Amino acid sequence: MNRTVSAGSDAVLEWRKSSYSSNGSEIECVEVAHAPGTVHVRDSKKAQGPRFSVGGSAWAEFVAYASGS
Protein backbone atom coordinates (compact mmCIF):
# COMPACT_ATOMS: atom_id res chain seq x y z
CA MET A 1 0.00 0.00 0.00
CA ASN A 2 1.22 3.48 -0.81
CA ARG A 3 0.27 6.48 1.32
CA THR A 4 0.68 9.85 -0.33
CA VAL A 5 -0.93 13.27 -0.31
CA SER A 6 -1.20 13.28 -4.08
CA ALA A 7 -1.71 9.80 -5.49
CA GLY A 8 -2.04 10.57 -9.18
CA SER A 9 -3.27 13.62 -10.99
CA ASP A 10 -6.95 14.54 -10.60
CA ALA A 11 -6.89 15.69 -14.21
CA VAL A 12 -6.33 12.06 -15.22
CA LEU A 13 -8.20 10.14 -12.52
CA GLU A 14 -11.96 9.61 -12.73
CA TRP A 15 -13.25 9.35 -9.16
CA ARG A 16 -16.38 7.29 -8.46
CA LYS A 17 -18.54 6.66 -5.40
CA SER A 18 -20.20 3.38 -4.56
CA SER A 19 -23.72 2.86 -5.84
CA TYR A 20 -24.55 2.03 -2.21
CA SER A 21 -23.67 5.57 -1.07
CA SER A 22 -26.37 7.65 0.56
CA ASN A 23 -28.59 9.52 -1.87
CA GLY A 24 -29.62 11.98 0.87
CA SER A 25 -27.81 14.95 2.33
CA GLU A 26 -25.03 12.77 3.74
CA ILE A 27 -21.85 13.23 1.73
CA GLU A 28 -19.59 10.87 3.65
CA CYS A 29 -18.21 8.32 1.26
CA VAL A 30 -15.07 6.69 0.04
CA GLU A 31 -14.26 7.35 -3.60
CA VAL A 32 -12.05 5.23 -5.84
CA ALA A 33 -10.27 5.89 -9.12
CA HIS A 34 -8.81 3.15 -11.27
CA ALA A 35 -5.51 3.59 -13.09
CA PRO A 36 -3.41 0.95 -14.85
CA GLY A 37 -2.36 -1.51 -12.13
CA THR A 38 -3.48 0.77 -9.27
CA VAL A 39 -6.63 1.77 -7.41
CA HIS A 40 -6.58 5.17 -5.67
CA VAL A 41 -8.81 5.75 -2.63
CA ARG A 42 -9.83 9.04 -0.98
CA ASP A 43 -12.38 10.49 1.45
CA SER A 44 -15.08 12.37 -0.49
CA LYS A 45 -15.32 14.98 2.28
CA LYS A 46 -11.62 15.82 1.87
CA ALA A 47 -11.07 15.30 -1.84
CA GLN A 48 -7.80 17.26 -1.81
CA GLY A 49 -6.60 15.54 1.38
CA PRO A 50 -4.58 12.38 1.94
CA ARG A 51 -5.14 9.38 -0.31
CA PHE A 52 -3.74 5.93 -0.63
CA SER A 53 -3.28 3.52 -3.48
CA VAL A 54 -3.15 -0.26 -3.75
CA GLY A 55 -2.40 -2.69 -6.53
CA GLY A 56 -5.29 -4.01 -8.59
CA SER A 57 -5.05 -7.55 -7.21
CA ALA A 58 -5.01 -6.28 -3.60
CA TRP A 59 -8.12 -4.19 -4.33
CA ALA A 60 -9.88 -7.18 -5.89
CA GLU A 61 -9.10 -9.26 -2.80
CA PHE A 62 -10.42 -6.49 -0.52
CA VAL A 63 -13.66 -6.15 -2.50
CA ALA A 64 -14.20 -9.92 -2.42
CA TYR A 65 -13.60 -9.97 1.34
CA ALA A 66 -15.82 -6.93 2.01
CA SER A 67 -18.67 -8.32 -0.07
CA GLY A 68 -18.47 -11.74 1.56
CA SER A 69 -17.68 -13.50 -1.73
PDB file of N, CA and C in Angstrom:
ATOM      1  N   MET A   1       0.853  -1.174   0.000  1.00  0.00           N
ATOM      2  CA  MET A   1       0.000   0.000   0.000  1.00  0.00           C
ATOM      3  C   MET A   1       0.892   1.229   0.000  1.00  0.00           C
ATOM      4  N   ASN A   2       0.514   2.208  -0.762  1.00  0.00           N
ATOM      5  CA  ASN A   2       1.222   3.483  -0.806  1.00  0.00           C
ATOM      6  C   ASN A   2       0.368   4.548  -0.154  1.00  0.00           C
ATOM      7  N   ARG A   3       0.977   5.351   0.713  1.00  0.00           N
ATOM      8  CA  ARG A   3       0.268   6.485   1.316  1.00  0.00           C
ATOM      9  C   ARG A   3       0.931   7.748   0.810  1.00  0.00           C
ATOM     10  N   THR A   4       0.136   8.620   0.221  1.00  0.00           N
ATOM     11  CA  THR A   4       0.683   9.846  -0.326  1.00  0.00           C
ATOM     12  C   THR A   4      -0.389  10.922  -0.330  1.00  0.00           C
ATOM     13  N   VAL A   5       0.019  12.162  -0.274  1.00  0.00           N
ATOM     14  CA  VAL A   5      -0.931  13.272  -0.307  1.00  0.00           C
ATOM     15  C   VAL A   5      -1.505  13.431  -1.703  1.00  0.00           C
ATOM     16  N   SER A   6      -0.749  13.099  -2.712  1.00  0.00           N
ATOM     17  CA  SER A   6      -1.201  13.284  -4.082  1.00  0.00           C
ATOM     18  C   SER A   6      -0.955  12.016  -4.885  1.00  0.00           C
ATOM     19  N   ALA A   7      -1.844  11.059  -4.771  1.00  0.00           N
ATOM     20  CA  ALA A   7      -1.707   9.796  -5.492  1.00  0.00           C
ATOM     21  C   ALA A   7      -2.315   9.943  -6.875  1.00  0.00           C
ATOM     22  N   GLY A   8      -1.544  10.378  -7.827  1.00  0.00           N
ATOM     23  CA  GLY A   8      -2.036  10.566  -9.176  1.00  0.00           C
ATOM     24  C   GLY A   8      -2.579  11.963  -9.393  1.00  0.00           C
ATOM     25  N   SER A   9      -2.763  12.303 -10.637  1.00  0.00           N
ATOM     26  CA  SER A   9      -3.270  13.625 -10.989  1.00  0.00           C
ATOM     27  C   SER A   9      -4.783  13.578 -11.136  1.00  0.00           C
ATOM     28  N   ASP A  10      -5.496  14.496 -10.474  1.00  0.00           N
ATOM     29  CA  ASP A  10      -6.947  14.540 -10.597  1.00  0.00           C
ATOM     30  C   ASP A  10      -7.383  14.793 -12.034  1.00  0.00           C
ATOM     31  N   ALA A  11      -6.547  15.429 -12.825  1.00  0.00           N
ATOM     32  CA  ALA A  11      -6.892  15.694 -14.215  1.00  0.00           C
ATOM     33  C   ALA A  11      -7.010  14.387 -14.991  1.00  0.00           C
ATOM     34  N   VAL A  12      -6.343  13.334 -14.529  1.00  0.00           N
ATOM     35  CA  VAL A  12      -6.329  12.056 -15.222  1.00  0.00           C
ATOM     36  C   VAL A  12      -7.271  11.051 -14.565  1.00  0.00           C
ATOM     37  N   LEU A  13      -7.410  11.111 -13.249  1.00  0.00           N
ATOM     38  CA  LEU A  13      -8.205  10.140 -12.524  1.00  0.00           C
ATOM     39  C   LEU A  13      -9.688  10.466 -12.560  1.00  0.00           C
ATOM     40  N   GLU A  14     -10.512   9.454 -12.746  1.00  0.00           N
ATOM     41  CA  GLU A  14     -11.965   9.612 -12.726  1.00  0.00           C
ATOM     42  C   GLU A  14     -12.470   8.972 -11.437  1.00  0.00           C
ATOM     43  N   TRP A  15     -12.844   9.813 -10.479  1.00  0.00           N
ATOM     44  CA  TRP A  15     -13.253   9.351  -9.158  1.00  0.00           C
ATOM     45  C   TRP A  15     -14.710   8.927  -9.185  1.00  0.00           C
ATOM     46  N   ARG A  16     -15.008   7.785  -8.511  1.00  0.00           N
ATOM     47  CA  ARG A  16     -16.378   7.288  -8.462  1.00  0.00           C
ATOM     48  C   ARG A  16     -16.740   6.877  -7.037  1.00  0.00           C
ATOM     49  N   LYS A  17     -18.008   7.093  -6.689  1.00  0.00           N
ATOM     50  CA  LYS A  17     -18.540   6.660  -5.400  1.00  0.00           C
ATOM     51  C   LYS A  17     -19.293   5.352  -5.599  1.00  0.00           C
ATOM     52  N   SER A  18     -19.437   4.617  -4.542  1.00  0.00           N
ATOM     53  CA  SER A  18     -20.196   3.383  -4.562  1.00  0.00           C
ATOM     54  C   SER A  18     -21.655   3.654  -4.883  1.00  0.00           C
ATOM     55  N   SER A  19     -22.288   2.733  -5.577  1.00  0.00           N
ATOM     56  CA  SER A  19     -23.722   2.859  -5.844  1.00  0.00           C
ATOM     57  C   SER A  19     -24.527   2.682  -4.568  1.00  0.00           C
ATOM     58  N   TYR A  20     -23.889   2.192  -3.503  1.00  0.00           N
ATOM     59  CA  TYR A  20     -24.550   2.028  -2.215  1.00  0.00           C
ATOM     60  C   TYR A  20     -24.432   3.277  -1.343  1.00  0.00           C
ATOM     61  N   SER A  21     -23.808   4.334  -1.840  1.00  0.00           N
ATOM     62  CA  SER A  21     -23.671   5.574  -1.075  1.00  0.00           C
ATOM     63  C   SER A  21     -25.033   6.195  -0.832  1.00  0.00           C
ATOM     64  N   SER A  22     -25.117   6.988   0.217  1.00  0.00           N
ATOM     65  CA  SER A  22     -26.366   7.650   0.555  1.00  0.00           C
ATOM     66  C   SER A  22     -26.780   8.592  -0.568  1.00  0.00           C
ATOM     67  N   ASN A  23     -28.057   8.595  -0.867  1.00  0.00           N
ATOM     68  CA  ASN A  23     -28.592   9.525  -1.867  1.00  0.00           C
ATOM     69  C   ASN A  23     -29.144  10.781  -1.209  1.00  0.00           C
ATOM     70  N   GLY A  24     -29.084  10.840   0.130  1.00  0.00           N
ATOM     71  CA  GLY A  24     -29.618  11.978   0.870  1.00  0.00           C
ATOM     72  C   GLY A  24     -28.592  13.079   1.013  1.00  0.00           C
ATOM     73  N   SER A  25     -28.707  13.814   2.103  1.00  0.00           N
ATOM     74  CA  SER A  25     -27.814  14.948   2.328  1.00  0.00           C
ATOM     75  C   SER A  25     -26.457  14.521   2.874  1.00  0.00           C
ATOM     76  N   GLU A  26     -26.314  13.256   3.241  1.00  0.00           N
ATOM     77  CA  GLU A  26     -25.027  12.771   3.741  1.00  0.00           C
ATOM     78  C   GLU A  26     -24.036  12.684   2.590  1.00  0.00           C
ATOM     79  N   ILE A  27     -22.852  13.242   2.800  1.00  0.00           N
ATOM     80  CA  ILE A  27     -21.853  13.228   1.732  1.00  0.00           C
ATOM     81  C   ILE A  27     -20.641  12.394   2.105  1.00  0.00           C
ATOM     82  N   GLU A  28     -20.722  11.663   3.215  1.00  0.00           N
ATOM     83  CA  GLU A  28     -19.593  10.870   3.650  1.00  0.00           C
ATOM     84  C   GLU A  28     -19.491   9.607   2.812  1.00  0.00           C
ATOM     85  N   CYS A  29     -18.385   9.468   2.136  1.00  0.00           N
ATOM     86  CA  CYS A  29     -18.212   8.322   1.264  1.00  0.00           C
ATOM     87  C   CYS A  29     -16.740   8.165   0.914  1.00  0.00           C
ATOM     88  N   VAL A  30     -16.392   6.966   0.580  1.00  0.00           N
ATOM     89  CA  VAL A  30     -15.069   6.692   0.040  1.00  0.00           C
ATOM     90  C   VAL A  30     -15.204   6.696  -1.474  1.00  0.00           C
ATOM     91  N   GLU A  31     -14.263   7.327  -2.144  1.00  0.00           N
ATOM     92  CA  GLU A  31     -14.257   7.350  -3.602  1.00  0.00           C
ATOM     93  C   GLU A  31     -13.033   6.585  -4.097  1.00  0.00           C
ATOM     94  N   VAL A  32     -13.170   5.947  -5.248  1.00  0.00           N
ATOM     95  CA  VAL A  32     -12.049   5.227  -5.843  1.00  0.00           C
ATOM     96  C   VAL A  32     -11.848   5.687  -7.280  1.00  0.00           C
ATOM     97  N   ALA A  33     -10.617   5.594  -7.723  1.00  0.00           N
ATOM     98  CA  ALA A  33     -10.273   5.894  -9.119  1.00  0.00           C
ATOM     99  C   ALA A  33      -9.318   4.808  -9.592  1.00  0.00           C
ATOM    100  N   HIS A  34      -9.640   4.220 -10.720  1.00  0.00           N
ATOM    101  CA  HIS A  34      -8.812   3.154 -11.268  1.00  0.00           C
ATOM    102  C   HIS A  34      -7.802   3.730 -12.261  1.00  0.00           C
ATOM    103  N   ALA A  35      -6.573   3.257 -12.149  1.00  0.00           N
ATOM    104  CA  ALA A  35      -5.506   3.594 -13.085  1.00  0.00           C
ATOM    105  C   ALA A  35      -4.831   2.274 -13.434  1.00  0.00           C
ATOM    106  N   PRO A  36      -4.061   2.214 -14.489  1.00  0.00           N
ATOM    107  CA  PRO A  36      -3.415   0.950 -14.847  1.00  0.00           C
ATOM    108  C   PRO A  36      -2.616   0.360 -13.677  1.00  0.00           C
ATOM    109  N   GLY A  37      -3.066  -0.810 -13.192  1.00  0.00           N
ATOM    110  CA  GLY A  37      -2.364  -1.514 -12.135  1.00  0.00           C
ATOM    111  C   GLY A  37      -2.542  -0.965 -10.738  1.00  0.00           C
ATOM    112  N   THR A  38      -3.341   0.107 -10.573  1.00  0.00           N
ATOM    113  CA  THR A  38      -3.476   0.768  -9.272  1.00  0.00           C
ATOM    114  C   THR A  38      -4.902   1.244  -9.052  1.00  0.00           C
ATOM    115  N   VAL A  39      -5.337   1.187  -7.798  1.00  0.00           N
ATOM    116  CA  VAL A  39      -6.627   1.770  -7.410  1.00  0.00           C
ATOM    117  C   VAL A  39      -6.327   2.822  -6.353  1.00  0.00           C
ATOM    118  N   HIS A  40      -6.775   4.046  -6.593  1.00  0.00           N
ATOM    119  CA  HIS A  40      -6.579   5.168  -5.672  1.00  0.00           C
ATOM    120  C   HIS A  40      -7.844   5.320  -4.839  1.00  0.00           C
ATOM    121  N   VAL A  41      -7.684   5.629  -3.547  1.00  0.00           N
ATOM    122  CA  VAL A  41      -8.811   5.750  -2.628  1.00  0.00           C
ATOM    123  C   VAL A  41      -8.691   7.070  -1.876  1.00  0.00           C
ATOM    124  N   ARG A  42      -9.826   7.776  -1.726  1.00  0.00           N
ATOM    125  CA  ARG A  42      -9.834   9.037  -0.976  1.00  0.00           C
ATOM    126  C   ARG A  42     -11.158   9.198  -0.244  1.00  0.00           C
ATOM    127  N   ASP A  43     -11.192  10.124   0.694  1.00  0.00           N
ATOM    128  CA  ASP A  43     -12.384  10.493   1.447  1.00  0.00           C
ATOM    129  C   ASP A  43     -13.096  11.588   0.660  1.00  0.00           C
ATOM    130  N   SER A  44     -14.359  11.387   0.323  1.00  0.00           N
ATOM    131  CA  SER A  44     -15.077  12.369  -0.491  1.00  0.00           C
ATOM    132  C   SER A  44     -15.225  13.713   0.208  1.00  0.00           C
ATOM    133  N   LYS A  45     -15.198  13.718   1.550  1.00  0.00           N
ATOM    134  CA  LYS A  45     -15.318  14.983   2.284  1.00  0.00           C
ATOM    135  C   LYS A  45     -14.042  15.807   2.205  1.00  0.00           C
ATOM    136  N   LYS A  46     -12.922  15.147   1.942  1.00  0.00           N
ATOM    137  CA  LYS A  46     -11.620  15.817   1.872  1.00  0.00           C
ATOM    138  C   LYS A  46     -10.925  15.403   0.577  1.00  0.00           C
ATOM    139  N   ALA A  47     -11.544  15.746  -0.533  1.00  0.00           N
ATOM    140  CA  ALA A  47     -11.066  15.304  -1.840  1.00  0.00           C
ATOM    141  C   ALA A  47      -9.622  15.710  -2.124  1.00  0.00           C
ATOM    142  N   GLN A  48      -9.174  16.822  -1.579  1.00  0.00           N
ATOM    143  CA  GLN A  48      -7.795  17.260  -1.812  1.00  0.00           C
ATOM    144  C   GLN A  48      -6.857  16.780  -0.704  1.00  0.00           C
ATOM    145  N   GLY A  49      -7.395  16.021   0.247  1.00  0.00           N
ATOM    146  CA  GLY A  49      -6.602  15.543   1.381  1.00  0.00           C
ATOM    147  C   GLY A  49      -5.827  14.281   1.068  1.00  0.00           C
ATOM    148  N   PRO A  50      -5.371  13.595   2.112  1.00  0.00           N
ATOM    149  CA  PRO A  50      -4.575  12.375   1.936  1.00  0.00           C
ATOM    150  C   PRO A  50      -5.337  11.299   1.178  1.00  0.00           C
ATOM    151  N   ARG A  51      -4.589  10.497   0.462  1.00  0.00           N
ATOM    152  CA  ARG A  51      -5.135   9.380  -0.310  1.00  0.00           C
ATOM    153  C   ARG A  51      -4.204   8.203  -0.154  1.00  0.00           C
ATOM    154  N   PHE A  52      -4.660   7.053  -0.558  1.00  0.00           N
ATOM    155  CA  PHE A  52      -3.743   5.929  -0.631  1.00  0.00           C
ATOM    156  C   PHE A  52      -4.040   5.141  -1.888  1.00  0.00           C
ATOM    157  N   SER A  53      -3.103   4.329  -2.284  1.00  0.00           N
ATOM    158  CA  SER A  53      -3.282   3.519  -3.475  1.00  0.00           C
ATOM    159  C   SER A  53      -2.836   2.098  -3.189  1.00  0.00           C
ATOM    160  N   VAL A  54      -3.489   1.159  -3.863  1.00  0.00           N
ATOM    161  CA  VAL A  54      -3.154  -0.255  -3.751  1.00  0.00           C
ATOM    162  C   VAL A  54      -3.123  -0.851  -5.149  1.00  0.00           C
ATOM    163  N   GLY A  55      -2.442  -1.976  -5.256  1.00  0.00           N
ATOM    164  CA  GLY A  55      -2.404  -2.688  -6.532  1.00  0.00           C
ATOM    165  C   GLY A  55      -3.773  -3.260  -6.866  1.00  0.00           C
ATOM    166  N   GLY A  56      -3.999  -3.493  -8.136  1.00  0.00           N
ATOM    167  CA  GLY A  56      -5.287  -4.008  -8.592  1.00  0.00           C
ATOM    168  C   GLY A  56      -5.677  -5.329  -7.957  1.00  0.00           C
ATOM    169  N   SER A  57      -4.720  -6.255  -7.797  1.00  0.00           N
ATOM    170  CA  SER A  57      -5.053  -7.548  -7.209  1.00  0.00           C
ATOM    171  C   SER A  57      -5.394  -7.414  -5.728  1.00  0.00           C
ATOM    172  N   ALA A  58      -4.694  -6.515  -5.014  1.00  0.00           N
ATOM    173  CA  ALA A  58      -5.006  -6.282  -3.603  1.00  0.00           C
ATOM    174  C   ALA A  58      -6.408  -5.692  -3.472  1.00  0.00           C
ATOM    175  N   TRP A  59      -6.786  -4.788  -4.364  1.00  0.00           N
ATOM    176  CA  TRP A  59      -8.119  -4.193  -4.328  1.00  0.00           C
ATOM    177  C   TRP A  59      -9.173  -5.266  -4.600  1.00  0.00           C
ATOM    178  N   ALA A  60      -8.934  -6.118  -5.576  1.00  0.00           N
ATOM    179  CA  ALA A  60      -9.884  -7.184  -5.893  1.00  0.00           C
ATOM    180  C   ALA A  60     -10.077  -8.111  -4.695  1.00  0.00           C
ATOM    181  N   GLU A  61      -9.000  -8.429  -3.994  1.00  0.00           N
ATOM    182  CA  GLU A  61      -9.104  -9.263  -2.798  1.00  0.00           C
ATOM    183  C   GLU A  61      -9.903  -8.558  -1.706  1.00  0.00           C
ATOM    184  N   PHE A  62      -9.668  -7.258  -1.524  1.00  0.00           N
ATOM    185  CA  PHE A  62     -10.416  -6.487  -0.518  1.00  0.00           C
ATOM    186  C   PHE A  62     -11.906  -6.478  -0.856  1.00  0.00           C
ATOM    187  N   VAL A  63     -12.258  -6.213  -2.102  1.00  0.00           N
ATOM    188  CA  VAL A  63     -13.660  -6.148  -2.498  1.00  0.00           C
ATOM    189  C   VAL A  63     -14.330  -7.506  -2.285  1.00  0.00           C
ATOM    190  N   ALA A  64     -13.648  -8.588  -2.641  1.00  0.00           N
ATOM    191  CA  ALA A  64     -14.205  -9.923  -2.424  1.00  0.00           C
ATOM    192  C   ALA A  64     -14.421 -10.178  -0.934  1.00  0.00           C
ATOM    193  N   TYR A  65     -13.472  -9.787  -0.111  1.00  0.00           N
ATOM    194  CA  TYR A  65     -13.598  -9.965   1.338  1.00  0.00           C
ATOM    195  C   TYR A  65     -14.746  -9.113   1.897  1.00  0.00           C
ATOM    196  N   ALA A  66     -14.794  -7.842   1.485  1.00  0.00           N
ATOM    197  CA  ALA A  66     -15.819  -6.929   2.012  1.00  0.00           C
ATOM    198  C   ALA A  66     -17.228  -7.324   1.584  1.00  0.00           C
ATOM    199  N   SER A  67     -17.341  -7.929   0.415  1.00  0.00           N
ATOM    200  CA  SER A  67     -18.671  -8.319  -0.072  1.00  0.00           C
ATOM    201  C   SER A  67     -19.071  -9.712   0.385  1.00  0.00           C
ATOM    202  N   GLY A  68     -18.162 -10.415   1.058  1.00  0.00           N
ATOM    203  CA  GLY A  68     -18.466 -11.744   1.565  1.00  0.00           C
ATOM    204  C   GLY A  68     -18.397 -12.822   0.506  1.00  0.00           C
ATOM    205  N   SER A  69     -17.790 -12.504  -0.643  1.00  0.00           N
ATOM    206  CA  SER A  69     -17.683 -13.495  -1.732  1.00  0.00           C
ATOM    207  C   SER A  69     -16.525 -14.433  -1.518  1.00  0.00           C
TER     208      SER A  69
END
